[in-house]
Amino acid sequence: MRFLLLYALLLKATLTSFSGLSSLPVVRNDLVVTRQMITDRQLNTAVAVARMTPGPLGLYLVNVGYFAAGVPGAAAGFLAMITPAFLILPLLIFIGSRADHPSARRVIRAVILGAAGLLLSATLPLAQDALRSPLSWAVMLASLVVLVRTRIDTAWVILGSALVGLIAFAITGT
């Protein structure tokens, strides 16, 4: 039963999002806040691991499923991630010819802005969990500046942040 519930919750998250991490608010609300199946720390870890590995951003759902229910949960996350891809084919046939209509473009823009707001609302509690020391704040601010001011790929920023964390751990032991 837990497999089906987890699949349904993660499928709801993927069906109500437009790209990988835009499902994060739904996942956090369902699995962290409402059902306490995982913690904010586990959700942070799932997202970080997915960002460091190649593949789609939505791959974090497999990690979330694993944290919630082990290997069967990872399978539920994978199935929830790929199900919309199979559902989109008939939708593309139906909507494909109507996508250039001005009303359709306005709806798409509105949905993207709404998804951005939801993503921000989920990011703030996760940041509260992750930003616990002056070093973590410094790494976050430096990463933000690098990402905004340069064209450096996010993978390099993540790698640099991880190296700073490892060096700090080696020096302080905490």
C-alpha atoms as a PDB file:
ATOM      1  CA  MET A   1       0.000   0.000   0.000  1.00  0.00           C
ATOM      2  CA  ARG A   2       2.862   2.392   0.796  1.00  0.00           C
ATOM      3  CA  PHE A   3       4.221   1.862  -2.748  1.00  0.00           C
ATOM      4  CA  LEU A   4       0.914   2.877  -4.327  1.00  0.00           C
ATOM      5  CA  LEU A   5       0.482   5.865  -2.019  1.00  0.00           C
ATOM      6  CA  LEU A   6       4.018   7.051  -2.696  1.00  0.00           C
ATOM      7  CA  TYR A   7       3.560   6.558  -6.448  1.00  0.00           C
ATOM      8  CA  ALA A   8       0.287   8.518  -6.373  1.00  0.00           C
ATOM      9  CA  LEU A   9       1.821  11.390  -4.373  1.00  0.00           C
ATOM     10  CA  LEU A  10       4.903  11.626  -6.573  1.00  0.00           C
ATOM     11  CA  LEU A  11       2.806  11.290  -9.738  1.00  0.00           C
ATOM     12  CA  LYS A  12       0.628  14.171  -8.522  1.00  0.00           C
ATOM     13  CA  ALA A  13       3.778  16.230  -8.071  1.00  0.00           C
ATOM     14  CA  THR A  14       5.075  15.465 -11.564  1.00  0.00           C
ATOM     15  CA  LEU A  15       1.717  16.056 -13.212  1.00  0.00           C
ATOM     16  CA  THR A  16       1.351  19.464 -11.577  1.00  0.00           C
ATOM     17  CA  SER A  17       4.786  20.723 -12.616  1.00  0.00           C
ATOM     18  CA  PHE A  18       6.469  21.845 -15.812  1.00  0.00           C
ATOM     19  CA  SER A  19      10.083  20.999 -15.137  1.00  0.00           C
ATOM     20  CA  GLY A  20      12.212  19.014 -12.746  1.00  0.00           C
ATOM     21  CA  LEU A  21      12.315  21.055  -9.567  1.00  0.00           C
ATOM     22  CA  SER A  22       8.993  22.834  -9.989  1.00  0.00           C
ATOM     23  CA  SER A  23       7.400  19.776  -8.368  1.00  0.00           C
ATOM     24  CA  LEU A  24       9.414  20.461  -5.199  1.00  0.00           C
ATOM     25  CA  PRO A  25       6.690  22.424  -3.348  1.00  0.00           C
ATOM     26  CA  VAL A  26       4.142  19.648  -3.867  1.00  0.00           C
ATOM     27  CA  VAL A  27       6.618  16.961  -2.808  1.00  0.00           C
ATOM     28  CA  ARG A  28       7.618  18.907   0.290  1.00  0.00           C
ATOM     29  CA  ASN A  29       4.034  19.585   1.287  1.00  0.00           C
ATOM     30  CA  ASP A  30       2.902  15.968   0.793  1.00  0.00           C
ATOM     31  CA  LEU A  31       5.915  14.035   2.085  1.00  0.00           C
ATOM     32  CA  VAL A  32       7.517  16.368   4.649  1.00  0.00           C
ATOM     33  CA  VAL A  33       4.749  18.562   6.033  1.00  0.00           C
ATOM     34  CA  THR A  34       1.573  16.486   5.743  1.00  0.00           C
ATOM     35  CA  ARG A  35       2.689  12.853   6.007  1.00  0.00           C
ATOM     36  CA  GLN A  36       6.182  13.130   7.583  1.00  0.00           C
ATOM     37  CA  MET A  37       7.476  10.343   5.305  1.00  0.00           C
ATOM     38  CA  ILE A  38      10.816  12.170   4.901  1.00  0.00           C
ATOM     39  CA  THR A  39      12.536  15.148   6.511  1.00  0.00           C
ATOM     40  CA  ASP A  40      13.633  18.478   5.050  1.00  0.00           C
ATOM     41  CA  ARG A  41      17.221  17.262   5.353  1.00  0.00           C
ATOM     42  CA  GLN A  42      16.430  14.140   3.304  1.00  0.00           C
ATOM     43  CA  LEU A  43      14.652  16.269   0.696  1.00  0.00           C
ATOM     44  CA  ASN A  44      17.682  18.594   0.536  1.00  0.00           C
ATOM     45  CA  THR A  45      19.941  15.564   0.099  1.00  0.00           C
ATOM     46  CA  ALA A  46      17.721  14.106  -2.627  1.00  0.00           C
ATOM     47  CA  VAL A  47      17.806  17.364  -4.590  1.00  0.00           C
ATOM     48  CA  ALA A  48      21.565  17.838  -4.103  1.00  0.00           C
ATOM     49  CA  VAL A  49      22.363  14.313  -5.275  1.00  0.00           C
ATOM     50  CA  ALA A  50      20.115  14.696  -8.310  1.00  0.00           C
ATOM     51  CA  ARG A  51      21.775  18.010  -9.205  1.00  0.00           C
ATOM     52  CA  MET A  52      25.247  16.444  -8.998  1.00  0.00           C
ATOM     53  CA  THR A  53      24.410  13.511 -11.267  1.00  0.00           C
ATOM     54  CA  PRO A  54      23.711  13.607 -14.976  1.00  0.00           C
ATOM     55  CA  GLY A  55      20.138  13.367 -16.170  1.00  0.00           C
ATOM     56  CA  PRO A  56      16.891  15.237 -15.778  1.00  0.00           C
ATOM     57  CA  LEU A  57      16.274  17.446 -12.752  1.00  0.00           C
ATOM     58  CA  GLY A  58      13.150  15.444 -11.939  1.00  0.00           C
ATOM     59  CA  LEU A  59      15.415  12.529 -11.103  1.00  0.00           C
ATOM     60  CA  TYR A  60      15.370  13.729  -7.514  1.00  0.00           C
ATOM     61  CA  LEU A  61      11.997  11.952  -7.207  1.00  0.00           C
ATOM     62  CA  VAL A  62      13.799   8.606  -7.323  1.00  0.00           C
ATOM     63  CA  ASN A  63      15.948   9.724  -4.379  1.00  0.00           C
ATOM     64  CA  VAL A  64      12.901  11.001  -2.509  1.00  0.00           C
ATOM     65  CA  GLY A  65      11.162   7.669  -3.066  1.00  0.00           C
ATOM     66  CA  TYR A  66      14.222   5.844  -1.767  1.00  0.00           C
ATOM     67  CA  PHE A  67      14.335   7.948   1.397  1.00  0.00           C
ATOM     68  CA  ALA A  68      10.611   7.359   1.949  1.00  0.00           C
ATOM     69  CA  ALA A  69      10.431   3.593   1.306  1.00  0.00           C
ATOM     70  CA  GLY A  70      13.770   2.123   0.234  1.00  0.00           C
ATOM     71  CA  VAL A  71      14.127   0.360  -3.113  1.00  0.00           C
ATOM     72  CA  PRO A  72      10.358   0.003  -3.691  1.00  0.00           C
ATOM     73  CA  GLY A  73      10.048   3.741  -3.037  1.00  0.00           C
ATOM     74  CA  ALA A  74      12.795   4.460  -5.567  1.00  0.00           C
ATOM     75  CA  ALA A  75      10.856   2.373  -8.093  1.00  0.00           C
ATOM     76  CA  ALA A  76       7.704   4.360  -7.300  1.00  0.00           C
ATOM     77  CA  GLY A  77       9.638   7.606  -7.811  1.00  0.00           C
ATOM     78  CA  PHE A  78      11.014   6.392 -11.135  1.00  0.00           C
ATOM     79  CA  LEU A  79       7.580   5.321 -12.374  1.00  0.00           C
ATOM     80  CA  ALA A  80       6.060   8.621 -11.246  1.00  0.00           C
ATOM     81  CA  MET A  81       8.805  10.469 -13.100  1.00  0.00           C
ATOM     82  CA  ILE A  82       8.321   8.640 -16.424  1.00  0.00           C
ATOM     83  CA  THR A  83       4.518   8.328 -16.457  1.00  0.00           C
ATOM     84  CA  PRO A  84       3.879  11.899 -17.687  1.00  0.00           C
ATOM     85  CA  ALA A  85       6.219  11.310 -20.623  1.00  0.00           C
ATOM     86  CA  PHE A  86       3.856   8.640 -21.890  1.00  0.00           C
ATOM     87  CA  LEU A  87       0.793  10.785 -21.224  1.00  0.00           C
ATOM     88  CA  ILE A  88       2.185  13.763 -23.117  1.00  0.00           C
ATOM     89  CA  LEU A  89       2.092  12.099 -26.541  1.00  0.00           C
ATOM     90  CA  PRO A  90      -1.687  12.283 -27.031  1.00  0.00           C
ATOM     91  CA  LEU A  91      -1.702  15.753 -25.479  1.00  0.00           C
ATOM     92  CA  LEU A  92       0.896  16.993 -27.955  1.00  0.00           C
ATOM     93  CA  ILE A  93      -1.227  15.806 -30.857  1.00  0.00           C
ATOM     94  CA  PHE A  94      -4.251  17.638 -29.476  1.00  0.00           C
ATOM     95  CA  ILE A  95      -2.586  20.875 -28.390  1.00  0.00           C
ATOM     96  CA  GLY A  96       0.276  21.041 -30.899  1.00  0.00           C
ATOM     97  CA  SER A  97      -1.642  23.013 -33.508  1.00  0.00           C
ATOM     98  CA  ARG A  98      -3.088  25.415 -30.922  1.00  0.00           C
ATOM     99  CA  ALA A  99       0.158  26.346 -29.119  1.00  0.00           C
ATOM    100  CA  ASP A 100       0.798  29.463 -31.232  1.00  0.00           C
ATOM    101  CA  HIS A 101      -2.495  31.048 -30.288  1.00  0.00           C
ATOM    102  CA  PRO A 102      -1.990  34.224 -28.172  1.00  0.00           C
ATOM    103  CA  SER A 103      -4.357  32.975 -25.456  1.00  0.00           C
ATOM    104  CA  ALA A 104      -2.423  29.729 -25.152  1.00  0.00           C
ATOM    105  CA  ARG A 105       0.842  31.664 -24.831  1.00  0.00           C
ATOM    106  CA  ARG A 106      -0.613  33.831 -22.050  1.00  0.00           C
ATOM    107  CA  VAL A 107      -1.784  30.743 -20.170  1.00  0.00           C
ATOM    108  CA  ILE A 108       1.657  29.145 -20.498  1.00  0.00           C
ATOM    109  CA  ARG A 109       3.359  32.312 -19.179  1.00  0.00           C
ATOM    110  CA  ALA A 110       0.943  32.503 -16.245  1.00  0.00           C
ATOM    111  CA  VAL A 111       1.554  28.870 -15.332  1.00  0.00           C
ATOM    112  CA  ILE A 112       5.325  29.348 -15.496  1.00  0.00           C
ATOM    113  CA  LEU A 113       5.138  32.365 -13.169  1.00  0.00           C
ATOM    114  CA  GLY A 114       2.908  30.431 -10.775  1.00  0.00           C
ATOM    115  CA  ALA A 115       5.368  27.520 -10.781  1.00  0.00           C
ATOM    116  CA  ALA A 116       8.227  29.930 -10.040  1.00  0.00           C
ATOM    117  CA  GLY A 117       6.320  31.265  -7.019  1.00  0.00           C
ATOM    118  CA  LEU A 118       5.650  27.751  -5.758  1.00  0.00           C
ATOM    119  CA  LEU A 119       9.296  26.847  -6.183  1.00  0.00           C
ATOM    120  CA  LEU A 120      10.327  29.869  -4.134  1.00  0.00           C
ATOM    121  CA  SER A 121       7.841  28.941  -1.392  1.00  0.00           C
ATOM    122  CA  ALA A 122       9.407  25.480  -1.117  1.00  0.00           C
ATOM    123  CA  THR A 123      12.971  26.737  -1.302  1.00  0.00           C
ATOM    124  CA  LEU A 124      12.757  29.000   1.753  1.00  0.00           C
ATOM    125  CA  PRO A 125      12.082  26.217   4.321  1.00  0.00           C
ATOM    126  CA  LEU A 126      14.777  24.055   2.722  1.00  0.00           C
ATOM    127  CA  ALA A 127      17.229  26.951   2.952  1.00  0.00           C
ATOM    128  CA  GLN A 128      16.411  27.379   6.649  1.00  0.00           C
ATOM    129  CA  ASP A 129      17.395  23.746   7.178  1.00  0.00           C
ATOM    130  CA  ALA A 130      20.604  23.979   5.135  1.00  0.00           C
ATOM    131  CA  LEU A 131      21.919  27.418   6.152  1.00  0.00           C
ATOM    132  CA  ARG A 132      23.041  26.876   9.716  1.00  0.00           C
ATOM    133  CA  SER A 133      26.528  28.407   9.845  1.00  0.00           C
ATOM    134  CA  PRO A 134      28.377  31.465   8.572  1.00  0.00           C
ATOM    135  CA  LEU A 135      30.293  29.222   6.154  1.00  0.00           C
ATOM    136  CA  SER A 136      27.083  27.844   4.610  1.00  0.00           C
ATOM    137  CA  TRP A 137      25.770  31.399   4.195  1.00  0.00           C
ATOM    138  CA  ALA A 138      29.042  32.471   2.569  1.00  0.00           C
ATOM    139  CA  VAL A 139      28.988  29.506   0.183  1.00  0.00           C
ATOM    140  CA  MET A 140      25.354  30.230  -0.712  1.00  0.00           C
ATOM    141  CA  LEU A 141      25.995  33.928  -1.380  1.00  0.00           C
ATOM    142  CA  ALA A 142      29.173  33.245  -3.371  1.00  0.00           C
ATOM    143  CA  SER A 143      27.337  30.610  -5.434  1.00  0.00           C
ATOM    144  CA  LEU A 144      24.485  33.021  -6.094  1.00  0.00           C
ATOM    145  CA  VAL A 145      26.870  35.741  -7.260  1.00  0.00           C
ATOM    146  CA  VAL A 146      28.759  33.325  -9.528  1.00  0.00           C
ATOM    147  CA  LEU A 147      25.542  31.956 -11.047  1.00  0.00           C
ATOM    148  CA  VAL A 148      24.031  35.400 -11.632  1.00  0.00           C
ATOM    149  CA  ARG A 149      27.170  37.185 -12.902  1.00  0.00           C
ATOM    150  CA  THR A 150      28.822  34.452 -14.999  1.00  0.00           C
ATOM    151  CA  ARG A 151      27.919  31.693 -17.407  1.00  0.00           C
ATOM    152  CA  ILE A 152      29.631  28.984 -15.364  1.00  0.00           C
ATOM    153  CA  ASP A 153      27.664  25.752 -15.406  1.00  0.00           C
ATOM    154  CA  THR A 154      25.846  24.917 -12.177  1.00  0.00           C
ATOM    155  CA  ALA A 155      27.705  21.599 -11.944  1.00  0.00           C
ATOM    156  CA  TRP A 156      30.976  23.514 -11.424  1.00  0.00           C
ATOM    157  CA  VAL A 157      29.394  25.722  -8.784  1.00  0.00           C
ATOM    158  CA  ILE A 158      28.095  22.650  -6.958  1.00  0.00           C
ATOM    159  CA  LEU A 159      31.496  20.969  -7.211  1.00  0.00           C
ATOM    160  CA  GLY A 160      33.238  24.099  -5.891  1.00  0.00           C
ATOM    161  CA  SER A 161      30.765  24.368  -3.012  1.00  0.00           C
ATOM    162  CA  ALA A 162      31.302  20.710  -2.156  1.00  0.00           C
ATOM    163  CA  LEU A 163      35.074  21.208  -2.143  1.00  0.00           C
ATOM    164  CA  VAL A 164      34.754  24.194   0.201  1.00  0.00           C
ATOM    165  CA  GLY A 165      32.602  22.059   2.510  1.00  0.00           C
ATOM    166  CA  LEU A 166      35.094  19.171   2.429  1.00  0.00           C
ATOM    167  CA  ILE A 167      38.025  21.490   3.146  1.00  0.00           C
ATOM    168  CA  ALA A 168      36.132  23.080   6.037  1.00  0.00           C
ATOM    169  CA  PHE A 169      35.297  19.634   7.400  1.00  0.00           C
ATOM    170  CA  ALA A 170      38.929  18.516   7.110  1.00  0.00           C
ATOM    171  CA  ILE A 171      40.104  21.629   8.966  1.00  0.00           C
ATOM    172  CA  THR A 172      37.457  21.849  11.696  1.00  0.00           C
ATOM    173  CA  GLY A 173      36.159  18.278  11.891  1.00  0.00           C
ATOM    174  CA  THR A 174      32.534  19.467  11.983  1.00  0.00           C
END
